[in-house]
């Protein structure tokens, strides 16, 4: 996972692997942004976790470009309806995490299914090309035989 550094401790406390963390988006240099994007492009990332209070546009863009889920945590009780206490806030963040990971798994399953369908269509296309080529060759052979008569 990639996460905003203010959420890193919580994510690691949940015993999840944070492969990269980043500072608040307004303090990121262009190189910092490229580093985050490169980390997300490694293919090992299932989620980008943002902090609501520090902005979510950057994380949304990284998640979208990498195919990862975009998860938004809050670090203040009451910032989201139903998170009036600290415990409700942690419950909300944990629910967001579980739903984000589930969504990623669902998307990956859908992608694998589509890749399988593409594979099957490529096989059909290649078979059709072979049959068409054989038909073309046979047509030429029959035409030459007809002309020789």
N, C-alpha and C. Protein backbone atom coordinates (compact mmCIF):
# COMPACT_ATOMS: atom_id res chain seq x y z
N UNK A 1 0.83 -1.17 0.00
CA UNK A 1 0.00 0.00 0.00
C UNK A 1 0.88 1.24 0.00
N UNK A 2 0.32 2.26 -0.56
CA UNK A 2 0.93 3.58 -0.50
C UNK A 2 -0.01 4.43 0.33
N UNK A 3 0.54 5.22 1.23
CA UNK A 3 -0.37 6.06 2.02
C UNK A 3 0.26 7.40 2.37
N UNK A 4 -0.62 8.32 2.66
CA UNK A 4 -0.21 9.63 3.12
C UNK A 4 0.45 9.42 4.48
N UNK A 5 1.56 10.09 4.72
CA UNK A 5 2.37 9.79 5.91
C UNK A 5 1.63 9.95 7.23
N UNK A 6 0.60 10.77 7.28
CA UNK A 6 -0.13 10.95 8.53
C UNK A 6 -0.99 9.73 8.86
N UNK A 7 -1.19 8.85 7.88
CA UNK A 7 -1.98 7.64 8.12
C UNK A 7 -1.10 6.39 8.19
N UNK A 8 0.19 6.55 7.95
CA UNK A 8 1.10 5.40 7.90
C UNK A 8 1.11 4.59 9.19
N UNK A 9 1.21 5.25 10.33
CA UNK A 9 1.27 4.53 11.61
C UNK A 9 0.03 3.68 11.84
N UNK A 10 -1.14 4.22 11.54
CA UNK A 10 -2.39 3.48 11.71
C UNK A 10 -2.42 2.26 10.79
N UNK A 11 -2.02 2.44 9.55
CA UNK A 11 -2.04 1.33 8.58
C UNK A 11 -1.06 0.25 9.02
N UNK A 12 0.12 0.64 9.47
CA UNK A 12 1.09 -0.35 9.95
C UNK A 12 0.62 -0.99 11.25
N UNK A 13 -0.08 -0.25 12.10
CA UNK A 13 -0.64 -0.80 13.32
C UNK A 13 -1.64 -1.91 13.00
N UNK A 14 -2.33 -1.77 11.86
CA UNK A 14 -3.24 -2.82 11.40
C UNK A 14 -2.48 -4.00 10.79
N UNK A 15 -1.15 -3.93 10.82
CA UNK A 15 -0.25 -4.96 10.32
C UNK A 15 -0.31 -5.09 8.80
N UNK A 16 -0.49 -3.97 8.14
CA UNK A 16 -0.47 -3.95 6.69
C UNK A 16 0.85 -3.36 6.21
N UNK A 17 1.28 -3.79 5.05
CA UNK A 17 2.56 -3.39 4.51
C UNK A 17 2.45 -2.06 3.76
N UNK A 18 3.11 -1.04 4.27
CA UNK A 18 3.17 0.25 3.59
C UNK A 18 4.48 0.28 2.82
N UNK A 19 4.40 0.22 1.51
CA UNK A 19 5.61 0.21 0.69
C UNK A 19 6.14 1.60 0.41
N UNK A 20 5.27 2.59 0.52
CA UNK A 20 5.69 3.97 0.27
C UNK A 20 4.72 4.90 0.95
N UNK A 21 5.23 5.98 1.51
CA UNK A 21 4.36 7.01 2.08
C UNK A 21 4.80 8.36 1.54
N UNK A 22 3.88 9.30 1.55
CA UNK A 22 4.18 10.63 1.01
C UNK A 22 3.65 11.71 1.94
N UNK A 23 4.28 12.87 1.82
CA UNK A 23 3.89 14.02 2.65
C UNK A 23 2.60 14.62 2.12
N UNK A 24 2.13 15.65 2.79
CA UNK A 24 0.90 16.30 2.33
C UNK A 24 1.11 16.80 0.90
N UNK A 25 0.09 16.67 0.06
CA UNK A 25 0.24 16.99 -1.36
C UNK A 25 0.78 18.39 -1.64
N UNK A 26 0.42 19.37 -0.82
CA UNK A 26 0.88 20.73 -1.11
C UNK A 26 2.38 20.90 -0.88
N UNK A 27 3.01 19.97 -0.15
CA UNK A 27 4.44 20.08 0.10
C UNK A 27 5.27 19.18 -0.82
N UNK A 28 4.63 18.45 -1.71
CA UNK A 28 5.35 17.54 -2.60
C UNK A 28 6.00 18.31 -3.76
N UNK A 29 7.25 17.99 -4.02
CA UNK A 29 7.91 18.53 -5.21
C UNK A 29 7.52 17.65 -6.40
N UNK A 30 7.89 18.07 -7.57
CA UNK A 30 7.61 17.27 -8.77
C UNK A 30 8.31 15.92 -8.65
N UNK A 31 9.54 15.92 -8.14
CA UNK A 31 10.27 14.66 -7.97
C UNK A 31 9.57 13.76 -6.95
N UNK A 32 9.07 14.34 -5.87
CA UNK A 32 8.32 13.56 -4.88
C UNK A 32 7.10 12.90 -5.52
N UNK A 33 6.37 13.67 -6.32
CA UNK A 33 5.20 13.13 -7.01
C UNK A 33 5.60 11.99 -7.94
N UNK A 34 6.69 12.16 -8.67
CA UNK A 34 7.16 11.10 -9.57
C UNK A 34 7.55 9.86 -8.79
N UNK A 35 8.16 10.04 -7.63
CA UNK A 35 8.54 8.90 -6.79
C UNK A 35 7.30 8.12 -6.35
N UNK A 36 6.26 8.82 -5.95
CA UNK A 36 5.01 8.16 -5.54
C UNK A 36 4.40 7.42 -6.73
N UNK A 37 4.35 8.08 -7.87
CA UNK A 37 3.77 7.47 -9.07
C UNK A 37 4.57 6.23 -9.48
N UNK A 38 5.90 6.31 -9.42
CA UNK A 38 6.74 5.15 -9.75
C UNK A 38 6.51 4.01 -8.76
N UNK A 39 6.39 4.33 -7.49
CA UNK A 39 6.11 3.29 -6.49
C UNK A 39 4.77 2.63 -6.77
N UNK A 40 3.79 3.42 -7.17
CA UNK A 40 2.45 2.88 -7.45
C UNK A 40 2.45 2.04 -8.72
N UNK A 41 3.35 2.33 -9.63
CA UNK A 41 3.39 1.61 -10.90
C UNK A 41 4.09 0.27 -10.80
N UNK A 42 4.61 -0.07 -9.64
CA UNK A 42 5.34 -1.32 -9.48
C UNK A 42 4.46 -2.55 -9.65
N UNK A 43 3.16 -2.38 -9.53
CA UNK A 43 2.24 -3.51 -9.69
C UNK A 43 1.94 -4.23 -8.39
N UNK A 44 2.64 -3.89 -7.32
CA UNK A 44 2.44 -4.55 -6.03
C UNK A 44 1.50 -3.76 -5.12
N UNK A 45 0.90 -2.72 -5.63
CA UNK A 45 0.10 -1.81 -4.82
C UNK A 45 -1.38 -2.10 -5.02
N UNK A 46 -2.09 -2.32 -3.92
CA UNK A 46 -3.53 -2.55 -4.02
C UNK A 46 -4.34 -1.33 -3.64
N UNK A 47 -3.72 -0.39 -2.90
CA UNK A 47 -4.48 0.78 -2.45
C UNK A 47 -3.58 1.98 -2.24
N UNK A 48 -4.18 3.14 -2.45
CA UNK A 48 -3.56 4.42 -2.09
C UNK A 48 -4.46 5.02 -1.02
N UNK A 49 -3.88 5.27 0.14
CA UNK A 49 -4.66 5.77 1.27
C UNK A 49 -4.34 7.25 1.47
N UNK A 50 -5.38 8.04 1.41
CA UNK A 50 -5.27 9.49 1.57
C UNK A 50 -5.81 9.92 2.93
N UNK A 51 -5.45 11.11 3.31
CA UNK A 51 -5.97 11.74 4.52
C UNK A 51 -6.94 12.84 4.09
N UNK A 52 -8.19 12.73 4.50
CA UNK A 52 -9.22 13.68 4.09
C UNK A 52 -8.82 15.13 4.32
N UNK A 53 -8.27 15.42 5.47
CA UNK A 53 -7.98 16.80 5.84
C UNK A 53 -6.80 17.40 5.07
N UNK A 54 -5.99 16.58 4.43
CA UNK A 54 -4.84 17.13 3.69
C UNK A 54 -5.07 17.12 2.18
N UNK A 55 -6.24 16.70 1.75
CA UNK A 55 -6.54 16.70 0.31
C UNK A 55 -6.48 15.30 -0.28
N UNK A 56 -7.34 15.06 -1.24
CA UNK A 56 -7.44 13.71 -1.79
C UNK A 56 -7.24 13.65 -3.30
N UNK A 57 -7.04 14.78 -3.95
CA UNK A 57 -6.90 14.78 -5.41
C UNK A 57 -5.66 14.03 -5.89
N UNK A 58 -4.53 14.26 -5.23
CA UNK A 58 -3.29 13.60 -5.64
C UNK A 58 -3.40 12.09 -5.51
N UNK A 59 -3.87 11.62 -4.36
CA UNK A 59 -4.03 10.17 -4.14
C UNK A 59 -5.01 9.56 -5.12
N UNK A 60 -6.08 10.29 -5.43
CA UNK A 60 -7.06 9.79 -6.40
C UNK A 60 -6.42 9.61 -7.77
N UNK A 61 -5.59 10.57 -8.16
CA UNK A 61 -4.91 10.47 -9.46
C UNK A 61 -3.94 9.30 -9.49
N UNK A 62 -3.17 9.12 -8.43
CA UNK A 62 -2.21 8.01 -8.36
C UNK A 62 -2.95 6.67 -8.40
N UNK A 63 -4.02 6.57 -7.64
CA UNK A 63 -4.80 5.32 -7.62
C UNK A 63 -5.40 5.04 -8.99
N UNK A 64 -5.94 6.04 -9.62
CA UNK A 64 -6.56 5.87 -10.92
C UNK A 64 -5.54 5.40 -11.96
N UNK A 65 -4.37 6.01 -11.95
CA UNK A 65 -3.34 5.67 -12.93
C UNK A 65 -2.72 4.30 -12.68
N UNK A 66 -2.73 3.84 -11.44
CA UNK A 66 -2.09 2.56 -11.12
C UNK A 66 -3.08 1.40 -11.04
N UNK A 67 -4.38 1.70 -11.05
CA UNK A 67 -5.38 0.64 -10.93
C UNK A 67 -5.65 0.23 -9.49
N UNK A 68 -5.09 0.96 -8.55
CA UNK A 68 -5.30 0.65 -7.13
C UNK A 68 -6.60 1.29 -6.64
N UNK A 69 -7.06 0.82 -5.50
CA UNK A 69 -8.21 1.44 -4.86
C UNK A 69 -7.78 2.74 -4.19
N UNK A 70 -8.68 3.70 -4.17
CA UNK A 70 -8.41 4.95 -3.46
C UNK A 70 -9.21 4.94 -2.17
N UNK A 71 -8.51 4.99 -1.06
CA UNK A 71 -9.13 4.92 0.25
C UNK A 71 -8.88 6.25 0.96
N UNK A 72 -9.92 6.80 1.55
CA UNK A 72 -9.79 8.08 2.23
C UNK A 72 -10.08 7.89 3.71
N UNK A 73 -9.08 8.20 4.53
CA UNK A 73 -9.22 8.17 5.98
C UNK A 73 -9.41 9.59 6.50
N UNK A 74 -9.97 9.68 7.67
CA UNK A 74 -10.04 10.96 8.37
C UNK A 74 -9.24 10.83 9.66
N UNK A 75 -8.66 11.92 10.12
CA UNK A 75 -7.94 11.85 11.38
C UNK A 75 -8.54 12.76 12.45
N UNK A 76 -9.79 13.19 12.20
CA UNK A 76 -10.49 13.99 13.20
C UNK A 76 -11.90 13.44 13.40
N UNK A 77 -12.27 13.08 14.62
CA UNK A 77 -13.65 12.67 14.88
C UNK A 77 -14.60 13.80 14.49
N UNK A 78 -15.73 13.43 13.93
CA UNK A 78 -16.76 14.40 13.56
C UNK A 78 -16.59 14.98 12.16
N UNK A 79 -15.50 14.68 11.49
CA UNK A 79 -15.28 15.22 10.14
C UNK A 79 -16.19 14.57 9.11
N UNK A 80 -16.64 13.37 9.41
CA UNK A 80 -17.53 12.61 8.55
C UNK A 80 -18.75 12.26 9.40
N UNK A 81 -19.95 12.33 8.84
CA UNK A 81 -21.13 11.94 9.64
C UNK A 81 -20.97 10.53 10.21
N UNK A 82 -21.32 10.36 11.44
CA UNK A 82 -21.23 9.05 12.10
C UNK A 82 -19.87 8.77 12.71
N UNK A 83 -18.99 9.77 12.74
CA UNK A 83 -17.67 9.59 13.34
C UNK A 83 -17.46 10.58 14.47
N UNK A 84 -18.43 10.67 15.35
CA UNK A 84 -18.37 11.68 16.41
C UNK A 84 -17.37 11.35 17.50
N UNK A 85 -17.05 10.08 17.68
CA UNK A 85 -16.08 9.70 18.70
C UNK A 85 -14.84 9.14 18.02
N UNK A 86 -13.78 9.05 18.80
CA UNK A 86 -12.54 8.51 18.28
C UNK A 86 -12.73 7.06 17.81
N UNK A 87 -13.47 6.27 18.59
CA UNK A 87 -13.73 4.88 18.23
C UNK A 87 -14.54 4.79 16.93
N UNK A 88 -15.54 5.64 16.77
CA UNK A 88 -16.32 5.65 15.53
C UNK A 88 -15.45 6.05 14.34
N UNK A 89 -14.50 6.96 14.56
CA UNK A 89 -13.59 7.37 13.50
C UNK A 89 -12.69 6.20 13.08
N UNK A 90 -12.15 5.48 14.04
CA UNK A 90 -11.30 4.32 13.72
C UNK A 90 -12.13 3.24 13.01
N UNK A 91 -13.35 3.04 13.47
CA UNK A 91 -14.24 2.07 12.82
C UNK A 91 -14.50 2.48 11.37
N UNK A 92 -14.75 3.77 11.16
CA UNK A 92 -14.98 4.29 9.81
C UNK A 92 -13.75 4.05 8.92
N UNK A 93 -12.56 4.40 9.43
CA UNK A 93 -11.33 4.22 8.65
C UNK A 93 -11.10 2.75 8.32
N UNK A 94 -11.34 1.88 9.30
CA UNK A 94 -11.16 0.44 9.08
C UNK A 94 -12.15 -0.07 8.03
N UNK A 95 -13.38 0.40 8.10
CA UNK A 95 -14.40 0.01 7.10
C UNK A 95 -13.99 0.48 5.70
N UNK A 96 -13.48 1.70 5.62
CA UNK A 96 -13.02 2.22 4.33
C UNK A 96 -11.90 1.34 3.77
N UNK A 97 -11.00 0.92 4.64
CA UNK A 97 -9.90 0.06 4.23
C UNK A 97 -10.40 -1.28 3.72
N UNK A 98 -11.29 -1.90 4.46
CA UNK A 98 -11.82 -3.20 4.06
C UNK A 98 -12.57 -3.10 2.73
N UNK A 99 -13.37 -2.06 2.56
CA UNK A 99 -14.10 -1.88 1.31
C UNK A 99 -13.16 -1.60 0.15
N UNK A 100 -12.11 -0.83 0.40
CA UNK A 100 -11.13 -0.54 -0.65
C UNK A 100 -10.39 -1.77 -1.11
N UNK A 101 -9.99 -2.60 -0.16
CA UNK A 101 -9.28 -3.84 -0.52
C UNK A 101 -10.23 -4.79 -1.24
N UNK A 102 -11.47 -4.87 -0.79
CA UNK A 102 -12.47 -5.70 -1.46
C UNK A 102 -12.72 -5.22 -2.89
N UNK A 103 -12.81 -3.92 -3.07
CA UNK A 103 -13.01 -3.35 -4.41
C UNK A 103 -11.83 -3.68 -5.31
N UNK A 104 -10.62 -3.57 -4.78
CA UNK A 104 -9.44 -3.91 -5.56
C UNK A 104 -9.49 -5.37 -6.00
N UNK A 105 -9.84 -6.26 -5.06
CA UNK A 105 -9.95 -7.68 -5.41
C UNK A 105 -11.00 -7.93 -6.47
N UNK A 106 -12.13 -7.23 -6.36
CA UNK A 106 -13.19 -7.35 -7.36
C UNK A 106 -12.72 -6.88 -8.72
N UNK A 107 -12.02 -5.73 -8.74
CA UNK A 107 -11.51 -5.20 -10.01
C UNK A 107 -10.50 -6.15 -10.61
N UNK A 108 -9.62 -6.72 -9.77
CA UNK A 108 -8.61 -7.64 -10.28
C UNK A 108 -9.27 -8.88 -10.87
N UNK A 109 -10.31 -9.39 -10.21
CA UNK A 109 -11.03 -10.54 -10.75
C UNK A 109 -11.66 -10.20 -12.09
N UNK A 110 -12.23 -9.01 -12.20
CA UNK A 110 -12.82 -8.56 -13.45
C UNK A 110 -11.78 -8.41 -14.53
N UNK A 111 -10.61 -7.91 -14.16
CA UNK A 111 -9.53 -7.74 -15.13
C UNK A 111 -9.04 -9.09 -15.61
N UNK A 112 -8.90 -10.04 -14.70
CA UNK A 112 -8.46 -11.38 -15.10
C UNK A 112 -9.48 -12.02 -16.04
N UNK A 113 -10.75 -11.82 -15.77
CA UNK A 113 -11.79 -12.36 -16.64
C UNK A 113 -11.71 -11.73 -18.03
N UNK A 114 -11.52 -10.43 -18.07
CA UNK A 114 -11.40 -9.74 -19.36
C UNK A 114 -10.15 -10.19 -20.11
N UNK A 115 -9.04 -10.38 -19.40
CA UNK A 115 -7.82 -10.85 -20.04
C UNK A 115 -8.03 -12.24 -20.62
N UNK A 116 -8.77 -13.07 -19.91
CA UNK A 116 -9.08 -14.42 -20.41
C UNK A 116 -9.94 -14.33 -21.67
N UNK A 117 -10.91 -13.44 -21.67
CA UNK A 117 -11.76 -13.26 -22.85
C UNK A 117 -10.94 -12.75 -24.03
N UNK A 118 -10.03 -11.82 -23.77
CA UNK A 118 -9.17 -11.30 -24.83
C UNK A 118 -8.32 -12.42 -25.40
N UNK A 119 -7.79 -13.26 -24.54
CA UNK A 119 -6.97 -14.39 -24.98
C UNK A 119 -7.77 -15.30 -25.90
N UNK A 120 -9.01 -15.58 -25.49
CA UNK A 120 -9.87 -16.43 -26.32
C UNK A 120 -10.18 -15.77 -27.66
N UNK A 121 -10.44 -14.48 -27.65
CA UNK A 121 -10.72 -13.76 -28.90
C UNK A 121 -9.50 -13.71 -29.81
N UNK A 122 -8.33 -13.56 -29.22
CA UNK A 122 -7.10 -13.57 -30.03
C UNK A 122 -6.90 -14.93 -30.68
N UNK A 123 -7.20 -15.99 -29.95
CA UNK A 123 -7.09 -17.34 -30.51
C UNK A 123 -8.08 -17.51 -31.66
N UNK A 124 -9.31 -17.04 -31.48
CA UNK A 124 -10.30 -17.11 -32.56
C UNK A 124 -9.84 -16.31 -33.77
N UNK A 125 -9.32 -15.10 -33.53
CA UNK A 125 -8.85 -14.26 -34.62
C UNK A 125 -7.72 -14.95 -35.38
N UNK A 126 -6.75 -15.51 -34.66
CA UNK A 126 -5.63 -16.18 -35.31
C UNK A 126 -6.09 -17.39 -36.11
N UNK A 127 -7.04 -18.14 -35.54
CA UNK A 127 -7.59 -19.29 -36.27
C UNK A 127 -8.31 -18.84 -37.53
N UNK A 128 -9.05 -17.75 -37.45
CA UNK A 128 -9.75 -17.23 -38.63
C UNK A 128 -8.76 -16.76 -39.68
N UNK A 129 -7.67 -16.15 -39.28
CA UNK A 129 -6.65 -15.71 -40.23
C UNK A 129 -6.01 -16.89 -40.94
N UNK A 130 -5.74 -17.96 -40.20
CA UNK A 130 -5.16 -19.16 -40.80
C UNK A 130 -6.13 -19.76 -41.81
N UNK A 131 -7.39 -19.87 -41.44
CA UNK A 131 -8.40 -20.42 -42.36
C UNK A 131 -8.53 -19.53 -43.59
N UNK A 132 -8.54 -18.22 -43.40
CA UNK A 132 -8.65 -17.30 -44.54
C UNK A 132 -7.44 -17.42 -45.45
N UNK A 133 -6.24 -17.54 -44.86
CA UNK A 133 -5.03 -17.70 -45.67
C UNK A 133 -5.08 -19.01 -46.46
N UNK A 134 -5.51 -20.08 -45.81
CA UNK A 134 -5.61 -21.37 -46.51
C UNK A 134 -6.65 -21.28 -47.63
N UNK A 135 -7.77 -20.63 -47.36
CA UNK A 135 -8.79 -20.45 -48.38
C UNK A 135 -8.24 -19.65 -49.57
N UNK A 136 -7.47 -18.62 -49.30
CA UNK A 136 -6.86 -17.80 -50.35
C UNK A 136 -5.90 -18.62 -51.19
N UNK A 137 -5.07 -19.43 -50.53
CA UNK A 137 -4.11 -20.27 -51.27
C UNK A 137 -4.84 -21.29 -52.13
N UNK A 138 -5.87 -21.93 -51.55
CA UNK A 138 -6.65 -22.91 -52.32
C UNK A 138 -7.34 -22.25 -53.50
N UNK A 139 -7.84 -21.05 -53.32
CA UNK A 139 -8.49 -20.32 -54.41
C UNK A 139 -7.49 -20.07 -55.53
N UNK A 140 -6.28 -19.66 -55.17
CA UNK A 140 -5.25 -19.43 -56.18
C UNK A 140 -4.89 -20.72 -56.90
N UNK A 141 -4.74 -21.80 -56.16
CA UNK A 141 -4.41 -23.10 -56.77
C UNK A 141 -5.52 -23.53 -57.73
N UNK A 142 -6.77 -23.44 -57.30
CA UNK A 142 -7.88 -23.82 -58.17
C UNK A 142 -7.96 -22.92 -59.39
N UNK A 143 -7.67 -21.63 -59.22
CA UNK A 143 -7.69 -20.71 -60.36
C UNK A 143 -6.60 -21.08 -61.36
N UNK A 144 -5.42 -21.40 -60.90
CA UNK A 144 -4.31 -21.80 -61.78
C UNK A 144 -4.67 -23.11 -62.49
N UNK A 145 -5.24 -24.06 -61.79
CA UNK A 145 -5.64 -25.33 -62.40
C UNK A 145 -6.73 -25.11 -63.45
N UNK A 146 -7.66 -24.21 -63.18
CA UNK A 146 -8.73 -23.92 -64.12
C UNK A 146 -8.16 -23.28 -65.39
N UNK A 147 -7.20 -22.37 -65.26
CA UNK A 147 -6.59 -21.70 -66.41
C UNK A 147 -5.79 -22.67 -67.28
N UNK A 148 -5.20 -23.70 -66.69
CA UNK A 148 -4.40 -24.67 -67.43
C UNK A 148 -5.25 -25.61 -68.26
N UNK A 149 -6.52 -25.76 -67.99
CA UNK A 149 -7.39 -26.65 -68.74
C UNK A 149 -7.66 -26.07 -70.04
